[in-house]
Amino acid sequence: MFRPSLAPLTALLLLGACAHGGERLDQVAITDVAQRDPWEKTNRRIFDVSMKIDRYALKPVTNVYRTVIPDAPRRGIANGYNLLQEPTNMGNAIAQGKVKSAFRAFDRILINSFLGLGVADHASDMGLVEQPHDFGQTLAVWGVPSGPFVMLPFLGPNTARDSIGFVVDFLLDPFDPVANRLLSSEEQLFELAVQVLDTRSNLRDQGEQLLVGAADPYATTRSAWLQLRRYEIFDGNLPAEDEEDIPPPPDDPAAEVSEEAPSPSALPAADTATAPSTPATEAPADAPRPD
């Protein structure tokens, strides 16, 4: 399989020292065009097909997978795939100029490889929780706008920028050449199937209930994913919103209401001397009766 030269990648990593976020990152993280969803009609078709495939094929197989494989082995499988993702996290952290995150990924590789034997996440127990970084996030840090929202077949929600990032991460996955040498084609297909089932199983644990009862599952998915993606791009450190135009909530809503609208008993009595009065209607004089 063709592999791109590492020289361009090294140059990109060296440029990571110049990467920075701030206001510029806020402008490109999730742009207005992603919110407007100009490809909505096509995205909805792909979403509907994907939901049907998931409902009638993937979800039943995932339920069997969760029934046959106990919780502890499933956690071990998930930890193993997370460990294989750490080199990608480290490379993208360097490209983004996040040296601490790069060392975090390196520490997790050492700890979970040797102490955890690839299936236990002892690094998280030590406080070294995973800090995911992908090339789509790297492009955002470099100032590349998100572009339109796009629903990818079998891969779910994305943006145009993050779709390119996914392809780059896939091509530069360091585990791929190792798998090509150590595993046969049948074993690679089996590994891919287990990875898909593990991913679908984690989605059931984390966010499947989000769509239950949703009036528009597509719009709910799009909105939730765009918010999550922005959170990921900022590593959870979202810029503070401008709170000057937002009035603070009252300490006692009942007191607030009573101050603004006093009760009738508290109103001053009407002053007949000053208050305009409606002239009384006098009864008409008796008309003279005819004799």
C-alpha atoms as a PDB file:
ATOM      1  CA  MET A   1       0.000   0.000   0.000  1.00  0.00           C
ATOM      2  CA  PHE A   2       1.299   3.437  -0.902  1.00  0.00           C
ATOM      3  CA  ARG A   3       2.460   5.511   2.028  1.00  0.00           C
ATOM      4  CA  PRO A   4       3.084   9.268   1.838  1.00  0.00           C
ATOM      5  CA  SER A   5       6.542  10.512   2.708  1.00  0.00           C
ATOM      6  CA  LEU A   6       7.071  11.559   6.306  1.00  0.00           C
ATOM      7  CA  ALA A   7       9.060  14.649   5.281  1.00  0.00           C
ATOM      8  CA  PRO A   8       5.967  16.804   4.562  1.00  0.00           C
ATOM      9  CA  LEU A   9       4.387  15.596   7.802  1.00  0.00           C
ATOM     10  CA  THR A  10       7.531  16.578   9.725  1.00  0.00           C
ATOM     11  CA  ALA A  11       7.401  20.040   8.188  1.00  0.00           C
ATOM     12  CA  LEU A  12       3.773  20.379   9.240  1.00  0.00           C
ATOM     13  CA  LEU A  13       4.608  19.339  12.784  1.00  0.00           C
ATOM     14  CA  LEU A  14       7.337  21.974  12.967  1.00  0.00           C
ATOM     15  CA  LEU A  15       4.797  24.576  11.900  1.00  0.00           C
ATOM     16  CA  GLY A  16       2.684  23.596  14.872  1.00  0.00           C
ATOM     17  CA  ALA A  17       4.711  25.903  17.089  1.00  0.00           C
ATOM     18  CA  CYS A  18       3.079  28.829  15.276  1.00  0.00           C
ATOM     19  CA  ALA A  19      -0.445  27.528  15.759  1.00  0.00           C
ATOM     20  CA  HIS A  20      -2.698  29.390  18.123  1.00  0.00           C
ATOM     21  CA  GLY A  21      -6.377  29.738  18.806  1.00  0.00           C
ATOM     22  CA  GLY A  22      -8.254  32.617  20.385  1.00  0.00           C
ATOM     23  CA  GLU A  23     -10.635  34.788  18.384  1.00  0.00           C
ATOM     24  CA  ARG A  24      -9.372  33.408  15.091  1.00  0.00           C
ATOM     25  CA  LEU A  25     -10.211  29.863  16.151  1.00  0.00           C
ATOM     26  CA  ASP A  26     -13.671  30.985  17.260  1.00  0.00           C
ATOM     27  CA  GLN A  27     -14.311  32.356  13.772  1.00  0.00           C
ATOM     28  CA  VAL A  28     -13.401  29.145  11.934  1.00  0.00           C
ATOM     29  CA  ALA A  29     -14.322  26.387  14.420  1.00  0.00           C
ATOM     30  CA  ILE A  30     -17.973  26.092  13.298  1.00  0.00           C
ATOM     31  CA  THR A  31     -18.846  28.708  10.692  1.00  0.00           C
ATOM     32  CA  ASP A  32     -22.265  30.083   9.788  1.00  0.00           C
ATOM     33  CA  VAL A  33     -22.363  28.010   6.604  1.00  0.00           C
ATOM     34  CA  ALA A  34     -22.232  24.853   8.733  1.00  0.00           C
ATOM     35  CA  GLN A  35     -25.174  26.102  10.775  1.00  0.00           C
ATOM     36  CA  ARG A  36     -27.174  26.947   7.639  1.00  0.00           C
ATOM     37  CA  ASP A  37     -26.572  23.438   6.246  1.00  0.00           C
ATOM     38  CA  PRO A  38     -26.737  24.219   2.491  1.00  0.00           C
ATOM     39  CA  TRP A  39     -26.536  20.488   1.656  1.00  0.00           C
ATOM     40  CA  GLU A  40     -29.439  19.604   3.945  1.00  0.00           C
ATOM     41  CA  LYS A  41     -31.528  17.832   1.319  1.00  0.00           C
ATOM     42  CA  THR A  42     -28.725  15.395   0.430  1.00  0.00           C
ATOM     43  CA  ASN A  43     -27.651  15.081   4.050  1.00  0.00           C
ATOM     44  CA  ARG A  44     -31.163  14.084   5.087  1.00  0.00           C
ATOM     45  CA  ARG A  45     -31.282  11.330   2.456  1.00  0.00           C
ATOM     46  CA  ILE A  46     -27.967   9.913   3.647  1.00  0.00           C
ATOM     47  CA  PHE A  47     -29.110  10.206   7.259  1.00  0.00           C
ATOM     48  CA  ASP A  48     -32.361   8.328   6.573  1.00  0.00           C
ATOM     49  CA  VAL A  49     -30.545   5.493   4.761  1.00  0.00           C
ATOM     50  CA  SER A  50     -27.940   5.256   7.530  1.00  0.00           C
ATOM     51  CA  MET A  51     -30.639   5.125  10.209  1.00  0.00           C
ATOM     52  CA  LYS A  52     -32.414   2.284   8.402  1.00  0.00           C
ATOM     53  CA  ILE A  53     -29.177   0.309   8.040  1.00  0.00           C
ATOM     54  CA  ASP A  54     -28.449   0.872  11.711  1.00  0.00           C
ATOM     55  CA  ARG A  55     -31.969  -0.104  12.806  1.00  0.00           C
ATOM     56  CA  TYR A  56     -32.270  -3.303  10.777  1.00  0.00           C
ATOM     57  CA  ALA A  57     -28.663  -4.510  10.586  1.00  0.00           C
ATOM     58  CA  LEU A  58     -26.084  -2.872  12.813  1.00  0.00           C
ATOM     59  CA  LYS A  59     -28.106  -2.408  15.989  1.00  0.00           C
ATOM     60  CA  PRO A  60     -29.331  -6.054  16.214  1.00  0.00           C
ATOM     61  CA  VAL A  61     -25.779  -7.332  15.700  1.00  0.00           C
ATOM     62  CA  THR A  62     -24.525  -4.883  18.320  1.00  0.00           C
ATOM     63  CA  ASN A  63     -27.116  -6.163  20.791  1.00  0.00           C
ATOM     64  CA  VAL A  64     -25.857  -9.704  20.219  1.00  0.00           C
ATOM     65  CA  TYR A  65     -22.284  -8.467  20.669  1.00  0.00           C
ATOM     66  CA  ARG A  66     -23.164  -6.860  24.003  1.00  0.00           C
ATOM     67  CA  THR A  67     -24.999  -9.999  25.116  1.00  0.00           C
ATOM     68  CA  VAL A  68     -22.207 -12.420  24.220  1.00  0.00           C
ATOM     69  CA  ILE A  69     -19.235 -10.272  25.297  1.00  0.00           C
ATOM     70  CA  PRO A  70     -19.317  -9.255  28.984  1.00  0.00           C
ATOM     71  CA  ASP A  71     -18.741  -5.679  30.072  1.00  0.00           C
ATOM     72  CA  ALA A  72     -15.135  -6.156  31.240  1.00  0.00           C
ATOM     73  CA  PRO A  73     -13.850  -7.608  27.933  1.00  0.00           C
ATOM     74  CA  ARG A  74     -15.719  -4.870  26.048  1.00  0.00           C
ATOM     75  CA  ARG A  75     -13.925  -2.246  28.128  1.00  0.00           C
ATOM     76  CA  GLY A  76     -10.652  -3.960  27.326  1.00  0.00           C
ATOM     77  CA  ILE A  77     -11.421  -3.857  23.599  1.00  0.00           C
ATOM     78  CA  ALA A  78     -12.344  -0.172  23.813  1.00  0.00           C
ATOM     79  CA  ASN A  79      -9.161   0.593  25.768  1.00  0.00           C
ATOM     80  CA  GLY A  80      -7.129  -1.223  23.134  1.00  0.00           C
ATOM     81  CA  TYR A  81      -8.577   0.882  20.317  1.00  0.00           C
ATOM     82  CA  ASN A  82      -8.062   4.040  22.371  1.00  0.00           C
ATOM     83  CA  LEU A  83      -4.419   3.089  22.814  1.00  0.00           C
ATOM     84  CA  LEU A  84      -4.016   2.662  19.049  1.00  0.00           C
ATOM     85  CA  GLN A  85      -5.397   6.189  18.659  1.00  0.00           C
ATOM     86  CA  GLU A  86      -2.798   7.796  20.941  1.00  0.00           C
ATOM     87  CA  PRO A  87      -0.046   8.169  18.263  1.00  0.00           C
ATOM     88  CA  THR A  88      -2.533  10.135  16.157  1.00  0.00           C
ATOM     89  CA  ASN A  89      -3.427  12.238  19.198  1.00  0.00           C
ATOM     90  CA  MET A  90       0.246  12.919  19.857  1.00  0.00           C
ATOM     91  CA  GLY A  91       1.066  13.899  16.266  1.00  0.00           C
ATOM     92  CA  ASN A  92      -1.879  16.270  15.998  1.00  0.00           C
ATOM     93  CA  ALA A  93      -1.142  17.780  19.414  1.00  0.00           C
ATOM     94  CA  ILE A  94       2.370  18.624  18.216  1.00  0.00           C
ATOM     95  CA  ALA A  95       0.969  20.074  14.987  1.00  0.00           C
ATOM     96  CA  GLN A  96      -1.321  22.278  17.080  1.00  0.00           C
ATOM     97  CA  GLY A  97       1.503  23.455  19.310  1.00  0.00           C
ATOM     98  CA  LYS A  98       0.075  21.689  22.375  1.00  0.00           C
ATOM     99  CA  VAL A  99       3.222  20.265  23.889  1.00  0.00           C
ATOM    100  CA  LYS A 100       1.606  19.182  27.173  1.00  0.00           C
ATOM    101  CA  SER A 101      -1.060  17.232  25.322  1.00  0.00           C
ATOM    102  CA  ALA A 102       1.616  15.575  23.191  1.00  0.00           C
ATOM    103  CA  PHE A 103       3.476  14.426  26.311  1.00  0.00           C
ATOM    104  CA  ARG A 104       0.153  13.291  27.789  1.00  0.00           C
ATOM    105  CA  ALA A 105      -0.422  11.023  24.779  1.00  0.00           C
ATOM    106  CA  PHE A 106       3.166   9.721  24.992  1.00  0.00           C
ATOM    107  CA  ASP A 107       2.772   8.937  28.702  1.00  0.00           C
ATOM    108  CA  ARG A 108      -0.484   7.122  28.030  1.00  0.00           C
ATOM    109  CA  ILE A 109       1.189   4.990  25.361  1.00  0.00           C
ATOM    110  CA  LEU A 110       3.941   3.924  27.765  1.00  0.00           C
ATOM    111  CA  ILE A 111       1.703   3.327  30.789  1.00  0.00           C
ATOM    112  CA  ASN A 112      -1.134   1.517  29.041  1.00  0.00           C
ATOM    113  CA  SER A 113       1.210  -0.528  26.845  1.00  0.00           C
ATOM    114  CA  PHE A 114       3.428  -1.853  29.620  1.00  0.00           C
ATOM    115  CA  LEU A 115       1.313  -1.652  32.786  1.00  0.00           C
ATOM    116  CA  GLY A 116      -2.068  -2.035  31.134  1.00  0.00           C
ATOM    117  CA  LEU A 117      -0.901  -4.623  28.577  1.00  0.00           C
ATOM    118  CA  GLY A 118      -2.895  -2.734  25.961  1.00  0.00           C
ATOM    119  CA  VAL A 119      -6.307  -3.468  27.472  1.00  0.00           C
ATOM    120  CA  ALA A 120      -6.335  -1.584  30.801  1.00  0.00           C
ATOM    121  CA  ASP A 121      -6.443   2.193  31.098  1.00  0.00           C
ATOM    122  CA  HIS A 122      -4.150   2.680  34.096  1.00  0.00           C
ATOM    123  CA  ALA A 123      -3.153   6.102  32.766  1.00  0.00           C
ATOM    124  CA  SER A 124      -6.633   7.477  33.385  1.00  0.00           C
ATOM    125  CA  ASP A 125      -6.534   6.036  36.904  1.00  0.00           C
ATOM    126  CA  MET A 126      -3.381   8.126  37.409  1.00  0.00           C
ATOM    127  CA  GLY A 127      -5.139  11.277  36.245  1.00  0.00           C
ATOM    128  CA  LEU A 128      -3.795  11.148  32.669  1.00  0.00           C
ATOM    129  CA  VAL A 129      -7.134  11.140  30.881  1.00  0.00           C
ATOM    130  CA  GLU A 130      -7.139  10.871  27.104  1.00  0.00           C
ATOM    131  CA  GLN A 131      -7.048  14.169  25.198  1.00  0.00           C
ATOM    132  CA  PRO A 132      -8.253  13.387  21.656  1.00  0.00           C
ATOM    133  CA  HIS A 133      -6.758  15.396  18.783  1.00  0.00           C
ATOM    134  CA  ASP A 134      -7.442  14.819  15.105  1.00  0.00           C
ATOM    135  CA  PHE A 135      -6.303  16.460  11.890  1.00  0.00           C
ATOM    136  CA  GLY A 136      -9.634  18.212  11.411  1.00  0.00           C
ATOM    137  CA  GLN A 137      -8.997  19.953  14.717  1.00  0.00           C
ATOM    138  CA  THR A 138      -5.448  20.696  13.557  1.00  0.00           C
ATOM    139  CA  LEU A 139      -6.781  22.358  10.409  1.00  0.00           C
ATOM    140  CA  ALA A 140      -9.115  24.462  12.553  1.00  0.00           C
ATOM    141  CA  VAL A 141      -6.210  25.602  14.733  1.00  0.00           C
ATOM    142  CA  TRP A 142      -4.356  26.509  11.549  1.00  0.00           C
ATOM    143  CA  GLY A 143      -7.255  28.725  10.534  1.00  0.00           C
ATOM    144  CA  VAL A 144      -9.145  26.537   8.055  1.00  0.00           C
ATOM    145  CA  PRO A 145     -12.926  27.234   8.239  1.00  0.00           C
ATOM    146  CA  SER A 146     -15.262  24.342   8.925  1.00  0.00           C
ATOM    147  CA  GLY A 147     -17.167  24.585   5.670  1.00  0.00           C
ATOM    148  CA  PRO A 148     -20.664  23.118   5.285  1.00  0.00           C
ATOM    149  CA  PHE A 149     -22.120  20.422   7.476  1.00  0.00           C
ATOM    150  CA  VAL A 150     -22.016  17.028   5.751  1.00  0.00           C
ATOM    151  CA  MET A 151     -23.493  13.645   6.628  1.00  0.00           C
ATOM    152  CA  LEU A 152     -21.051  10.938   5.549  1.00  0.00           C
ATOM    153  CA  PRO A 153     -22.394   7.460   4.696  1.00  0.00           C
ATOM    154  CA  PHE A 154     -21.662   5.004   7.543  1.00  0.00           C
ATOM    155  CA  LEU A 155     -19.451   7.609   9.272  1.00  0.00           C
ATOM    156  CA  GLY A 156     -22.105  10.022  10.459  1.00  0.00           C
ATOM    157  CA  PRO A 157     -22.058  13.812  10.918  1.00  0.00           C
ATOM    158  CA  ASN A 158     -19.060  15.869   9.885  1.00  0.00           C
ATOM    159  CA  THR A 159     -18.009  19.085   8.188  1.00  0.00           C
ATOM    160  CA  ALA A 160     -16.149  19.524   4.914  1.00  0.00           C
ATOM    161  CA  ARG A 161     -12.929  20.398   6.775  1.00  0.00           C
ATOM    162  CA  ASP A 162     -13.216  17.561   9.264  1.00  0.00           C
ATOM    163  CA  SER A 163     -13.931  15.082   6.460  1.00  0.00           C
ATOM    164  CA  ILE A 164     -10.549  15.960   4.948  1.00  0.00           C
ATOM    165  CA  GLY A 165      -9.015  15.607   8.384  1.00  0.00           C
ATOM    166  CA  PHE A 166     -10.534  12.142   8.746  1.00  0.00           C
ATOM    167  CA  VAL A 167      -8.979  11.020   5.452  1.00  0.00           C
ATOM    168  CA  VAL A 168      -5.546  12.343   6.501  1.00  0.00           C
ATOM    169  CA  ASP A 169      -5.742  10.607   9.879  1.00  0.00           C
ATOM    170  CA  PHE A 170      -6.773   7.391   8.126  1.00  0.00           C
ATOM    171  CA  LEU A 171      -3.865   7.513   5.658  1.00  0.00           C
ATOM    172  CA  LEU A 172      -1.325   8.335   8.363  1.00  0.00           C
ATOM    173  CA  ASP A 173      -2.624   5.828  10.906  1.00  0.00           C
ATOM    174  CA  PRO A 174       0.560   4.178  12.258  1.00  0.00           C
ATOM    175  CA  PHE A 175      -1.309   0.982  13.110  1.00  0.00           C
ATOM    176  CA  ASP A 176      -2.299   0.342   9.484  1.00  0.00           C
ATOM    177  CA  PRO A 177       1.118  -0.751   8.148  1.00  0.00           C
ATOM    178  CA  VAL A 178       1.611  -2.962  11.221  1.00  0.00           C
ATOM    179  CA  ALA A 179      -1.760  -4.608  10.641  1.00  0.00           C
ATOM    180  CA  ASN A 180      -0.943  -5.135   6.969  1.00  0.00           C
ATOM    181  CA  ARG A 181       2.186  -7.071   7.933  1.00  0.00           C
ATOM    182  CA  LEU A 182       0.886  -9.037  10.888  1.00  0.00           C
ATOM    183  CA  LEU A 183      -2.730  -9.794   9.911  1.00  0.00           C
ATOM    184  CA  SER A 184      -4.193 -11.602   6.954  1.00  0.00           C
ATOM    185  CA  SER A 185      -7.004 -10.068   4.916  1.00  0.00           C
ATOM    186  CA  GLU A 186      -9.604 -12.129   6.784  1.00  0.00           C
ATOM    187  CA  GLU A 187      -8.143 -11.095  10.148  1.00  0.00           C
ATOM    188  CA  GLN A 188      -8.146  -7.434   9.117  1.00  0.00           C
ATOM    189  CA  LEU A 189     -11.820  -7.686   8.151  1.00  0.00           C
ATOM    190  CA  PHE A 190     -12.576  -9.324  11.486  1.00  0.00           C
ATOM    191  CA  GLU A 191     -10.668  -6.567  13.315  1.00  0.00           C
ATOM    192  CA  LEU A 192     -12.589  -3.927  11.399  1.00  0.00           C
ATOM    193  CA  ALA A 193     -15.916  -5.598  12.242  1.00  0.00           C
ATOM    194  CA  VAL A 194     -15.037  -5.683  15.949  1.00  0.00           C
ATOM    195  CA  GLN A 195     -14.037  -2.025  15.815  1.00  0.00           C
ATOM    196  CA  VAL A 196     -17.349  -1.073  14.202  1.00  0.00           C
ATOM    197  CA  LEU A 197     -19.305  -3.045  16.805  1.00  0.00           C
ATOM    198  CA  ASP A 198     -17.275  -1.512  19.620  1.00  0.00           C
ATOM    199  CA  THR A 199     -17.900   1.987  18.273  1.00  0.00           C
ATOM    200  CA  ARG A 200     -21.635   1.319  17.897  1.00  0.00           C
ATOM    201  CA  SER A 201     -21.769  -0.163  21.392  1.00  0.00           C
ATOM    202  CA  ASN A 202     -20.155   2.955  22.855  1.00  0.00           C
ATOM    203  CA  LEU A 203     -22.670   5.141  21.027  1.00  0.00           C
ATOM    204  CA  ARG A 204     -25.459   3.198  22.680  1.00  0.00           C
ATOM    205  CA  ASP A 205     -23.944   3.924  26.077  1.00  0.00           C
ATOM    206  CA  GLN A 206     -23.182   7.589  25.427  1.00  0.00           C
ATOM    207  CA  GLY A 207     -25.808   9.244  23.268  1.00  0.00           C
ATOM    208  CA  GLU A 208     -28.378   6.938  21.750  1.00  0.00           C
ATOM    209  CA  GLN A 209     -31.117   8.248  24.030  1.00  0.00           C
ATOM    210  CA  LEU A 210     -30.656  11.704  22.529  1.00  0.00           C
ATOM    211  CA  LEU A 211     -32.815  10.799  19.535  1.00  0.00           C
ATOM    212  CA  VAL A 212     -35.557   9.039  21.481  1.00  0.00           C
ATOM    213  CA  GLY A 213     -38.719  11.063  21.041  1.00  0.00           C
ATOM    214  CA  ALA A 214     -37.001  13.733  18.924  1.00  0.00           C
ATOM    215  CA  ALA A 215     -39.434  15.457  16.576  1.00  0.00           C
ATOM    216  CA  ASP A 216     -36.683  15.838  13.962  1.00  0.00           C
ATOM    217  CA  PRO A 217     -33.864  13.317  14.562  1.00  0.00           C
ATOM    218  CA  TYR A 218     -31.733  14.772  11.773  1.00  0.00           C
ATOM    219  CA  ALA A 219     -31.882  18.344  13.115  1.00  0.00           C
ATOM    220  CA  THR A 220     -31.232  17.074  16.642  1.00  0.00           C
ATOM    221  CA  THR A 221     -28.191  15.101  15.470  1.00  0.00           C
ATOM    222  CA  ARG A 222     -26.825  18.042  13.509  1.00  0.00           C
ATOM    223  CA  SER A 223     -27.244  20.525  16.344  1.00  0.00           C
ATOM    224  CA  ALA A 224     -25.781  18.199  18.988  1.00  0.00           C
ATOM    225  CA  TRP A 225     -22.807  17.235  16.822  1.00  0.00           C
ATOM    226  CA  LEU A 226     -21.913  20.820  15.881  1.00  0.00           C
ATOM    227  CA  GLN A 227     -21.950  21.819  19.560  1.00  0.00           C
ATOM    228  CA  LEU A 228     -19.849  18.796  20.494  1.00  0.00           C
ATOM    229  CA  ARG A 229     -17.386  19.438  17.679  1.00  0.00           C
ATOM    230  CA  ARG A 230     -16.884  23.051  18.735  1.00  0.00           C
ATOM    231  CA  TYR A 231     -16.303  21.834  22.282  1.00  0.00           C
ATOM    232  CA  GLU A 232     -13.675  19.366  21.024  1.00  0.00           C
ATOM    233  CA  ILE A 233     -11.878  21.950  18.905  1.00  0.00           C
ATOM    234  CA  PHE A 234     -11.496  24.182  21.947  1.00  0.00           C
ATOM    235  CA  ASP A 235     -10.438  21.194  24.093  1.00  0.00           C
ATOM    236  CA  GLY A 236     -13.382  21.932  26.362  1.00  0.00           C
ATOM    237  CA  ASN A 237     -12.173  25.487  27.076  1.00  0.00           C
ATOM    238  CA  LEU A 238     -14.905  27.397  25.268  1.00  0.00           C
ATOM    239  CA  PRO A 239     -14.537  31.196  25.037  1.00  0.00           C
ATOM    240  CA  ALA A 240     -16.496  33.064  27.665  1.00  0.00           C
ATOM    241  CA  GLU A 241     -19.766  34.403  26.356  1.00  0.00           C
ATOM    242  CA  ASP A 242     -20.468  38.120  26.614  1.00  0.00           C
ATOM    243  CA  GLU A 243     -22.637  38.387  29.708  1.00  0.00           C
ATOM    244  CA  GLU A 244     -23.058  42.173  29.768  1.00  0.00           C
ATOM    245  CA  ASP A 245     -26.350  42.030  27.899  1.00  0.00           C
ATOM    246  CA  ILE A 246     -27.679  39.171  29.999  1.00  0.00           C
ATOM    247  CA  PRO A 247     -29.387  40.422  33.202  1.00  0.00           C
ATOM    248  CA  PRO A 248     -28.608  38.384  36.316  1.00  0.00           C
ATOM    249  CA  PRO A 249     -31.454  36.191  37.534  1.00  0.00           C
ATOM    250  CA  PRO A 250     -33.326  37.571  40.554  1.00  0.00           C
ATOM    251  CA  ASP A 251     -32.622  35.977  43.901  1.00  0.00           C
ATOM    252  CA  ASP A 252     -36.317  35.806  44.737  1.00  0.00           C
ATOM    253  CA  PRO A 253     -38.594  35.719  41.719  1.00  0.00           C
ATOM    254  CA  ALA A 254     -41.655  36.198  43.924  1.00  0.00           C
ATOM    255  CA  ALA A 255     -40.171  39.347  45.443  1.00  0.00           C
ATOM    256  CA  GLU A 256     -39.282  40.594  41.972  1.00  0.00           C
ATOM    257  CA  VAL A 257     -42.871  40.220  40.887  1.00  0.00           C
ATOM    258  CA  SER A 258     -44.201  41.925  43.995  1.00  0.00           C
ATOM    259  CA  GLU A 259     -41.887  44.906  43.478  1.00  0.00           C
ATOM    260  CA  GLU A 260     -42.855  45.380  39.879  1.00  0.00           C
ATOM    261  CA  ALA A 261     -46.594  44.833  40.370  1.00  0.00           C
ATOM    262  CA  PRO A 262     -47.739  45.852  43.881  1.00  0.00           C
ATOM    263  CA  SER A 263     -50.868  44.283  45.215  1.00  0.00           C
ATOM    264  CA  PRO A 264     -54.090  46.281  45.109  1.00  0.00           C
ATOM    265  CA  SER A 265     -54.059  46.659  48.910  1.00  0.00           C
ATOM    266  CA  ALA A 266     -50.743  48.486  48.709  1.00  0.00           C
ATOM    267  CA  LEU A 267     -52.017  51.044  46.235  1.00  0.00           C
ATOM    268  CA  PRO A 268     -52.767  54.509  47.721  1.00  0.00           C
ATOM    269  CA  ALA A 269     -56.370  55.398  48.231  1.00  0.00           C
ATOM    270  CA  ALA A 270     -57.877  57.531  45.535  1.00  0.00           C
ATOM    271  CA  ASP A 271     -57.859  61.262  46.379  1.00  0.00           C
ATOM    272  CA  THR A 272     -61.174  62.702  45.389  1.00  0.00           C
ATOM    273  CA  ALA A 273     -59.804  66.219  45.570  1.00  0.00           C
ATOM    274  CA  THR A 274     -57.143  65.649  42.985  1.00  0.00           C
ATOM    275  CA  ALA A 275     -58.291  62.664  41.078  1.00  0.00           C
ATOM    276  CA  PRO A 276     -60.464  63.480  38.131  1.00  0.00           C
ATOM    277  CA  SER A 277     -63.947  62.292  38.679  1.00  0.00           C
ATOM    278  CA  THR A 278     -66.497  61.260  36.194  1.00  0.00           C
ATOM    279  CA  PRO A 279     -69.388  63.688  36.339  1.00  0.00           C
ATOM    280  CA  ALA A 280     -72.410  62.067  37.756  1.00  0.00           C
ATOM    281  CA  THR A 281     -75.310  61.718  35.460  1.00  0.00           C
ATOM    282  CA  GLU A 282     -78.226  63.620  36.977  1.00  0.00           C
ATOM    283  CA  ALA A 283     -81.645  62.193  36.714  1.00  0.00           C
ATOM    284  CA  PRO A 284     -83.738  64.203  34.268  1.00  0.00           C
ATOM    285  CA  ALA A 285     -86.431  66.406  35.757  1.00  0.00           C
ATOM    286  CA  ASP A 286     -89.908  65.057  35.629  1.00  0.00           C
ATOM    287  CA  ALA A 287     -91.601  66.193  32.488  1.00  0.00           C
ATOM    288  CA  PRO A 288     -94.901  68.051  33.039  1.00  0.00           C
ATOM    289  CA  ARG A 289     -97.775  65.725  32.751  1.00  0.00           C
ATOM    290  CA  PRO A 290    -100.604  66.682  30.524  1.00  0.00           C
ATOM    291  CA  ASP A 291    -103.773  67.497  32.308  1.00  0.00           C
END
